[in-house]
């Protein structure tokens, strides 16, 4: 479990569907998760939307933003603002969920990246 997932309270994680190690969050939980990530300086690098099927997930769409690492707070703000915009533009109803790919500064640095 990464820094993002451990920062999320039960009211966000319990309604989620698991796909391997990933949480597939309903829209409102995804929105709240981005708020929590922002407060914890965790960057949401991308968002994927899925239809939740009886036998797995059906990909619907994904975000296409990407920012070059800069000062970490600015990097978080830019990514998370785009993640919020993606959710607003791709608000799907019941039976759909979102995977948020996120990283803390420490996790990002362990990948050999530097903001």
N, C-alpha and C. Protein backbone atom coordinates (compact mmCIF):
# COMPACT_ATOMS: atom_id res chain seq x y z
N UNK A 1 0.84 -1.17 0.00
CA UNK A 1 0.00 0.00 0.00
C UNK A 1 0.90 1.24 0.00
N UNK A 2 0.59 2.18 -0.88
CA UNK A 2 1.39 3.39 -0.98
C UNK A 2 0.87 4.50 -0.07
N UNK A 3 1.58 5.62 -0.10
CA UNK A 3 1.22 6.77 0.73
C UNK A 3 -0.19 7.28 0.43
N UNK A 4 -0.58 7.25 -0.84
CA UNK A 4 -1.92 7.72 -1.21
C UNK A 4 -2.99 6.88 -0.53
N UNK A 5 -2.93 5.58 -0.72
CA UNK A 5 -3.97 4.71 -0.17
C UNK A 5 -4.00 4.76 1.35
N UNK A 6 -2.85 4.82 1.99
CA UNK A 6 -2.84 4.86 3.46
C UNK A 6 -3.38 6.18 3.99
N UNK A 7 -3.41 7.22 3.16
CA UNK A 7 -3.95 8.51 3.60
C UNK A 7 -5.47 8.57 3.53
N UNK A 8 -6.08 7.59 2.88
CA UNK A 8 -7.53 7.63 2.67
C UNK A 8 -8.29 6.98 3.82
N UNK A 9 -9.35 7.64 4.31
CA UNK A 9 -10.16 7.06 5.37
C UNK A 9 -11.09 5.97 4.83
N UNK A 10 -11.65 5.20 5.75
CA UNK A 10 -12.54 4.09 5.39
C UNK A 10 -13.74 4.54 4.57
N UNK A 11 -14.26 5.74 4.80
CA UNK A 11 -15.45 6.16 4.04
C UNK A 11 -15.13 6.32 2.55
N UNK A 12 -13.86 6.37 2.21
CA UNK A 12 -13.47 6.41 0.80
C UNK A 12 -13.11 5.02 0.30
N UNK A 13 -12.38 4.25 1.08
CA UNK A 13 -11.90 2.95 0.61
C UNK A 13 -12.95 1.85 0.67
N UNK A 14 -13.85 1.88 1.64
CA UNK A 14 -14.82 0.79 1.78
C UNK A 14 -15.78 0.67 0.58
N UNK A 15 -16.27 1.77 0.00
CA UNK A 15 -17.16 1.63 -1.17
C UNK A 15 -16.42 1.26 -2.46
N UNK A 16 -15.09 1.22 -2.42
CA UNK A 16 -14.30 0.94 -3.62
C UNK A 16 -14.35 -0.54 -3.98
N UNK A 17 -14.15 -0.80 -5.26
CA UNK A 17 -13.96 -2.15 -5.78
C UNK A 17 -12.46 -2.31 -5.95
N UNK A 18 -11.92 -3.48 -5.68
CA UNK A 18 -10.48 -3.72 -5.87
C UNK A 18 -10.25 -4.36 -7.22
N UNK A 19 -9.22 -3.89 -7.89
CA UNK A 19 -8.74 -4.51 -9.12
C UNK A 19 -7.25 -4.73 -8.91
N UNK A 20 -6.88 -5.92 -8.48
CA UNK A 20 -5.50 -6.17 -8.09
C UNK A 20 -5.17 -5.31 -6.88
N UNK A 21 -4.15 -4.51 -7.00
CA UNK A 21 -3.74 -3.61 -5.91
C UNK A 21 -4.42 -2.24 -6.00
N UNK A 22 -5.19 -2.01 -7.04
CA UNK A 22 -5.80 -0.70 -7.28
C UNK A 22 -7.19 -0.59 -6.66
N UNK A 23 -7.51 0.62 -6.21
CA UNK A 23 -8.86 0.94 -5.76
C UNK A 23 -9.63 1.56 -6.91
N UNK A 24 -10.82 1.06 -7.18
CA UNK A 24 -11.70 1.63 -8.19
C UNK A 24 -12.79 2.37 -7.41
N UNK A 25 -12.70 3.69 -7.41
CA UNK A 25 -13.54 4.52 -6.55
C UNK A 25 -14.75 5.07 -7.27
N UNK A 26 -15.90 5.08 -6.61
CA UNK A 26 -17.05 5.80 -7.16
C UNK A 26 -16.70 7.29 -7.28
N UNK A 27 -17.44 8.02 -8.09
CA UNK A 27 -17.12 9.42 -8.41
C UNK A 27 -16.94 10.30 -7.17
N UNK A 28 -17.83 10.25 -6.22
CA UNK A 28 -17.72 11.14 -5.06
C UNK A 28 -16.52 10.78 -4.19
N UNK A 29 -16.23 9.50 -4.07
CA UNK A 29 -15.06 9.09 -3.30
C UNK A 29 -13.78 9.49 -4.04
N UNK A 30 -13.79 9.41 -5.36
CA UNK A 30 -12.63 9.84 -6.14
C UNK A 30 -12.40 11.34 -5.97
N UNK A 31 -13.46 12.11 -5.99
CA UNK A 31 -13.36 13.55 -5.80
C UNK A 31 -12.76 13.88 -4.43
N UNK A 32 -13.27 13.23 -3.40
CA UNK A 32 -12.75 13.43 -2.04
C UNK A 32 -11.30 12.95 -1.92
N UNK A 33 -10.98 11.86 -2.58
CA UNK A 33 -9.61 11.34 -2.53
C UNK A 33 -8.62 12.34 -3.12
N UNK A 34 -9.01 13.05 -4.16
CA UNK A 34 -8.14 14.07 -4.74
C UNK A 34 -7.95 15.21 -3.75
N UNK A 35 -9.00 15.60 -3.04
CA UNK A 35 -8.88 16.64 -2.01
C UNK A 35 -7.90 16.22 -0.92
N UNK A 36 -8.02 14.98 -0.47
CA UNK A 36 -7.13 14.46 0.57
C UNK A 36 -5.70 14.39 0.05
N UNK A 37 -5.53 13.93 -1.18
CA UNK A 37 -4.20 13.87 -1.77
C UNK A 37 -3.57 15.26 -1.81
N UNK A 38 -4.34 16.25 -2.20
CA UNK A 38 -3.82 17.61 -2.28
C UNK A 38 -3.36 18.10 -0.91
N UNK A 39 -4.17 17.86 0.11
CA UNK A 39 -3.80 18.28 1.48
C UNK A 39 -2.54 17.57 1.96
N UNK A 40 -2.31 16.35 1.49
CA UNK A 40 -1.14 15.56 1.91
C UNK A 40 0.03 15.67 0.94
N UNK A 41 -0.06 16.62 0.00
CA UNK A 41 0.98 16.84 -1.01
C UNK A 41 1.31 15.57 -1.79
N UNK A 42 0.24 14.86 -2.19
CA UNK A 42 0.36 13.67 -3.03
C UNK A 42 -0.18 14.05 -4.41
N UNK A 43 0.61 13.80 -5.45
CA UNK A 43 0.22 14.16 -6.81
C UNK A 43 -0.58 13.03 -7.46
N UNK A 44 -1.73 13.38 -8.03
CA UNK A 44 -2.53 12.42 -8.80
C UNK A 44 -2.06 12.54 -10.25
N UNK A 45 -1.26 11.58 -10.68
CA UNK A 45 -0.61 11.64 -11.98
C UNK A 45 -1.52 11.28 -13.14
N UNK A 46 -2.61 10.60 -12.84
CA UNK A 46 -3.53 10.21 -13.90
C UNK A 46 -4.79 9.60 -13.33
N UNK A 47 -5.84 9.59 -14.15
CA UNK A 47 -7.14 9.03 -13.76
C UNK A 47 -7.64 8.15 -14.89
N UNK A 48 -8.16 6.99 -14.54
CA UNK A 48 -8.76 6.08 -15.51
C UNK A 48 -10.20 5.82 -15.09
N UNK A 49 -11.10 5.81 -16.05
CA UNK A 49 -12.52 5.54 -15.77
C UNK A 49 -12.87 4.15 -16.32
N UNK A 50 -13.64 3.41 -15.53
CA UNK A 50 -14.01 2.05 -15.89
C UNK A 50 -15.49 1.79 -15.65
N UNK A 51 -16.05 0.93 -16.46
CA UNK A 51 -17.36 0.34 -16.20
C UNK A 51 -17.07 -0.90 -15.36
N UNK A 52 -17.76 -1.04 -14.23
CA UNK A 52 -17.56 -2.20 -13.36
C UNK A 52 -18.47 -3.32 -13.86
N UNK A 53 -17.85 -4.40 -14.30
CA UNK A 53 -18.56 -5.54 -14.88
C UNK A 53 -18.55 -6.71 -13.90
N UNK A 54 -19.41 -7.67 -14.11
CA UNK A 54 -19.43 -8.85 -13.26
C UNK A 54 -18.11 -9.60 -13.26
N UNK A 55 -17.41 -9.56 -14.39
CA UNK A 55 -16.18 -10.32 -14.52
C UNK A 55 -14.93 -9.43 -14.63
N UNK A 56 -15.02 -8.22 -14.14
CA UNK A 56 -13.84 -7.35 -14.16
C UNK A 56 -14.20 -5.91 -14.47
N UNK A 57 -13.31 -5.25 -15.18
CA UNK A 57 -13.49 -3.83 -15.51
C UNK A 57 -13.44 -3.65 -17.02
N UNK A 58 -14.25 -2.72 -17.50
CA UNK A 58 -14.21 -2.33 -18.91
C UNK A 58 -13.71 -0.90 -19.00
N UNK A 59 -12.58 -0.70 -19.65
CA UNK A 59 -12.01 0.64 -19.76
C UNK A 59 -12.94 1.54 -20.56
N UNK A 60 -13.13 2.76 -20.06
CA UNK A 60 -13.98 3.74 -20.73
C UNK A 60 -13.13 4.87 -21.29
N UNK A 61 -12.33 5.48 -20.45
CA UNK A 61 -11.46 6.58 -20.88
C UNK A 61 -10.39 6.82 -19.82
N UNK A 62 -9.43 7.64 -20.16
CA UNK A 62 -8.38 7.97 -19.21
C UNK A 62 -7.91 9.39 -19.46
N UNK A 63 -7.28 9.95 -18.45
CA UNK A 63 -6.78 11.31 -18.57
C UNK A 63 -5.56 11.34 -19.47
N UNK A 64 -5.26 12.50 -20.00
CA UNK A 64 -4.13 12.61 -20.89
C UNK A 64 -3.17 13.72 -20.51
N UNK A 65 -3.22 14.16 -19.29
CA UNK A 65 -2.33 15.23 -18.87
C UNK A 65 -1.01 14.69 -18.37
N UNK A 66 -0.01 15.53 -18.41
CA UNK A 66 1.31 15.16 -17.89
C UNK A 66 2.13 16.43 -17.72
N UNK A 67 2.72 16.55 -16.57
CA UNK A 67 3.51 17.74 -16.27
C UNK A 67 4.93 17.33 -15.95
N UNK A 68 5.86 18.16 -16.34
CA UNK A 68 7.25 17.95 -15.96
C UNK A 68 7.39 18.28 -14.48
N UNK A 69 8.14 17.47 -13.75
CA UNK A 69 8.35 17.78 -12.34
C UNK A 69 8.96 19.16 -12.15
N UNK A 70 8.42 19.86 -11.19
CA UNK A 70 8.93 21.19 -10.83
C UNK A 70 9.00 21.22 -9.30
N UNK A 71 8.84 22.36 -8.72
CA UNK A 71 8.73 22.44 -7.26
C UNK A 71 7.55 21.55 -6.87
N UNK A 72 7.70 20.73 -5.82
CA UNK A 72 6.73 19.68 -5.53
C UNK A 72 5.32 20.21 -5.29
N UNK A 73 5.16 21.27 -4.54
CA UNK A 73 3.82 21.80 -4.27
C UNK A 73 3.14 22.22 -5.56
N UNK A 74 3.87 22.83 -6.46
CA UNK A 74 3.31 23.25 -7.76
C UNK A 74 2.97 22.03 -8.61
N UNK A 75 3.82 21.02 -8.57
CA UNK A 75 3.59 19.78 -9.31
C UNK A 75 2.30 19.11 -8.83
N UNK A 76 2.10 19.06 -7.51
CA UNK A 76 0.87 18.50 -6.94
C UNK A 76 -0.33 19.32 -7.40
N UNK A 77 -0.25 20.64 -7.28
CA UNK A 77 -1.37 21.50 -7.65
C UNK A 77 -1.76 21.30 -9.11
N UNK A 78 -0.79 21.33 -10.01
CA UNK A 78 -1.07 21.19 -11.44
C UNK A 78 -1.72 19.84 -11.75
N UNK A 79 -1.14 18.77 -11.23
CA UNK A 79 -1.70 17.44 -11.49
C UNK A 79 -3.09 17.26 -10.90
N UNK A 80 -3.26 17.70 -9.66
CA UNK A 80 -4.53 17.47 -8.99
C UNK A 80 -5.64 18.35 -9.54
N UNK A 81 -5.30 19.55 -9.99
CA UNK A 81 -6.30 20.39 -10.68
C UNK A 81 -6.80 19.69 -11.94
N UNK A 82 -5.88 19.10 -12.69
CA UNK A 82 -6.28 18.37 -13.91
C UNK A 82 -7.09 17.12 -13.58
N UNK A 83 -6.73 16.43 -12.50
CA UNK A 83 -7.51 15.25 -12.09
C UNK A 83 -8.94 15.65 -11.76
N UNK A 84 -9.11 16.78 -11.04
CA UNK A 84 -10.46 17.27 -10.73
C UNK A 84 -11.23 17.61 -12.01
N UNK A 85 -10.56 18.29 -12.94
CA UNK A 85 -11.21 18.64 -14.22
C UNK A 85 -11.63 17.39 -14.98
N UNK A 86 -10.77 16.37 -14.95
CA UNK A 86 -11.11 15.12 -15.62
C UNK A 86 -12.38 14.52 -15.04
N UNK A 87 -12.50 14.50 -13.72
CA UNK A 87 -13.70 13.94 -13.09
C UNK A 87 -14.94 14.73 -13.47
N UNK A 88 -14.83 16.05 -13.50
CA UNK A 88 -15.98 16.89 -13.88
C UNK A 88 -16.39 16.59 -15.33
N UNK A 89 -15.42 16.45 -16.20
CA UNK A 89 -15.70 16.21 -17.63
C UNK A 89 -16.14 14.78 -17.92
N UNK A 90 -15.86 13.87 -17.01
CA UNK A 90 -16.15 12.45 -17.23
C UNK A 90 -16.95 11.88 -16.08
N UNK A 91 -17.97 12.61 -15.69
CA UNK A 91 -18.83 12.18 -14.58
C UNK A 91 -19.75 11.08 -15.09
N UNK A 92 -19.45 9.85 -14.69
CA UNK A 92 -20.22 8.69 -15.11
C UNK A 92 -21.12 8.27 -13.95
N UNK A 93 -22.18 7.56 -14.24
CA UNK A 93 -23.15 7.21 -13.22
C UNK A 93 -22.82 5.94 -12.44
N UNK A 94 -23.86 5.35 -11.90
CA UNK A 94 -23.71 4.11 -11.14
C UNK A 94 -23.10 3.04 -12.03
N UNK A 95 -22.32 2.17 -11.42
CA UNK A 95 -21.70 1.08 -12.16
C UNK A 95 -20.37 1.46 -12.79
N UNK A 96 -19.89 2.66 -12.50
CA UNK A 96 -18.59 3.11 -13.01
C UNK A 96 -17.69 3.48 -11.85
N UNK A 97 -16.39 3.44 -12.09
CA UNK A 97 -15.44 3.82 -11.06
C UNK A 97 -14.17 4.37 -11.68
N UNK A 98 -13.32 4.91 -10.82
CA UNK A 98 -12.12 5.61 -11.24
C UNK A 98 -10.91 5.10 -10.47
N UNK A 99 -9.83 4.87 -11.19
CA UNK A 99 -8.56 4.56 -10.56
C UNK A 99 -7.71 5.82 -10.63
N UNK A 100 -7.20 6.23 -9.48
CA UNK A 100 -6.32 7.39 -9.40
C UNK A 100 -4.89 6.89 -9.21
N UNK A 101 -4.02 7.22 -10.13
CA UNK A 101 -2.61 6.88 -9.99
C UNK A 101 -1.93 8.05 -9.30
N UNK A 102 -1.37 7.81 -8.12
CA UNK A 102 -0.87 8.90 -7.30
C UNK A 102 0.47 8.55 -6.68
N UNK A 103 1.22 9.59 -6.34
CA UNK A 103 2.52 9.39 -5.72
C UNK A 103 2.85 10.53 -4.77
N UNK A 104 3.50 10.18 -3.69
CA UNK A 104 4.04 11.19 -2.78
C UNK A 104 5.41 11.60 -3.31
N UNK A 105 5.94 12.67 -2.78
CA UNK A 105 7.27 13.12 -3.20
C UNK A 105 8.33 12.05 -2.92
N UNK A 106 8.25 11.40 -1.76
CA UNK A 106 9.22 10.37 -1.40
C UNK A 106 9.15 9.19 -2.37
N UNK A 107 7.94 8.75 -2.71
CA UNK A 107 7.78 7.64 -3.65
C UNK A 107 8.33 8.03 -5.03
N UNK A 108 8.04 9.26 -5.44
CA UNK A 108 8.50 9.76 -6.72
C UNK A 108 10.02 9.77 -6.79
N UNK A 109 10.65 10.23 -5.71
CA UNK A 109 12.12 10.26 -5.66
C UNK A 109 12.71 8.86 -5.69
N UNK A 110 12.04 7.89 -5.07
CA UNK A 110 12.53 6.50 -5.08
C UNK A 110 12.54 5.92 -6.50
N UNK A 111 11.69 6.48 -7.36
CA UNK A 111 11.67 6.03 -8.76
C UNK A 111 12.80 6.66 -9.56
N UNK A 112 13.59 7.48 -8.89
CA UNK A 112 14.71 8.11 -9.57
C UNK A 112 14.33 9.44 -10.20
N UNK A 113 13.17 9.95 -9.86
CA UNK A 113 12.71 11.23 -10.39
C UNK A 113 13.04 12.32 -9.40
N UNK A 114 13.11 13.54 -9.87
CA UNK A 114 13.32 14.65 -8.95
C UNK A 114 12.48 15.84 -9.41
N UNK A 115 11.70 16.39 -8.50
CA UNK A 115 10.87 17.56 -8.86
C UNK A 115 11.72 18.82 -8.94
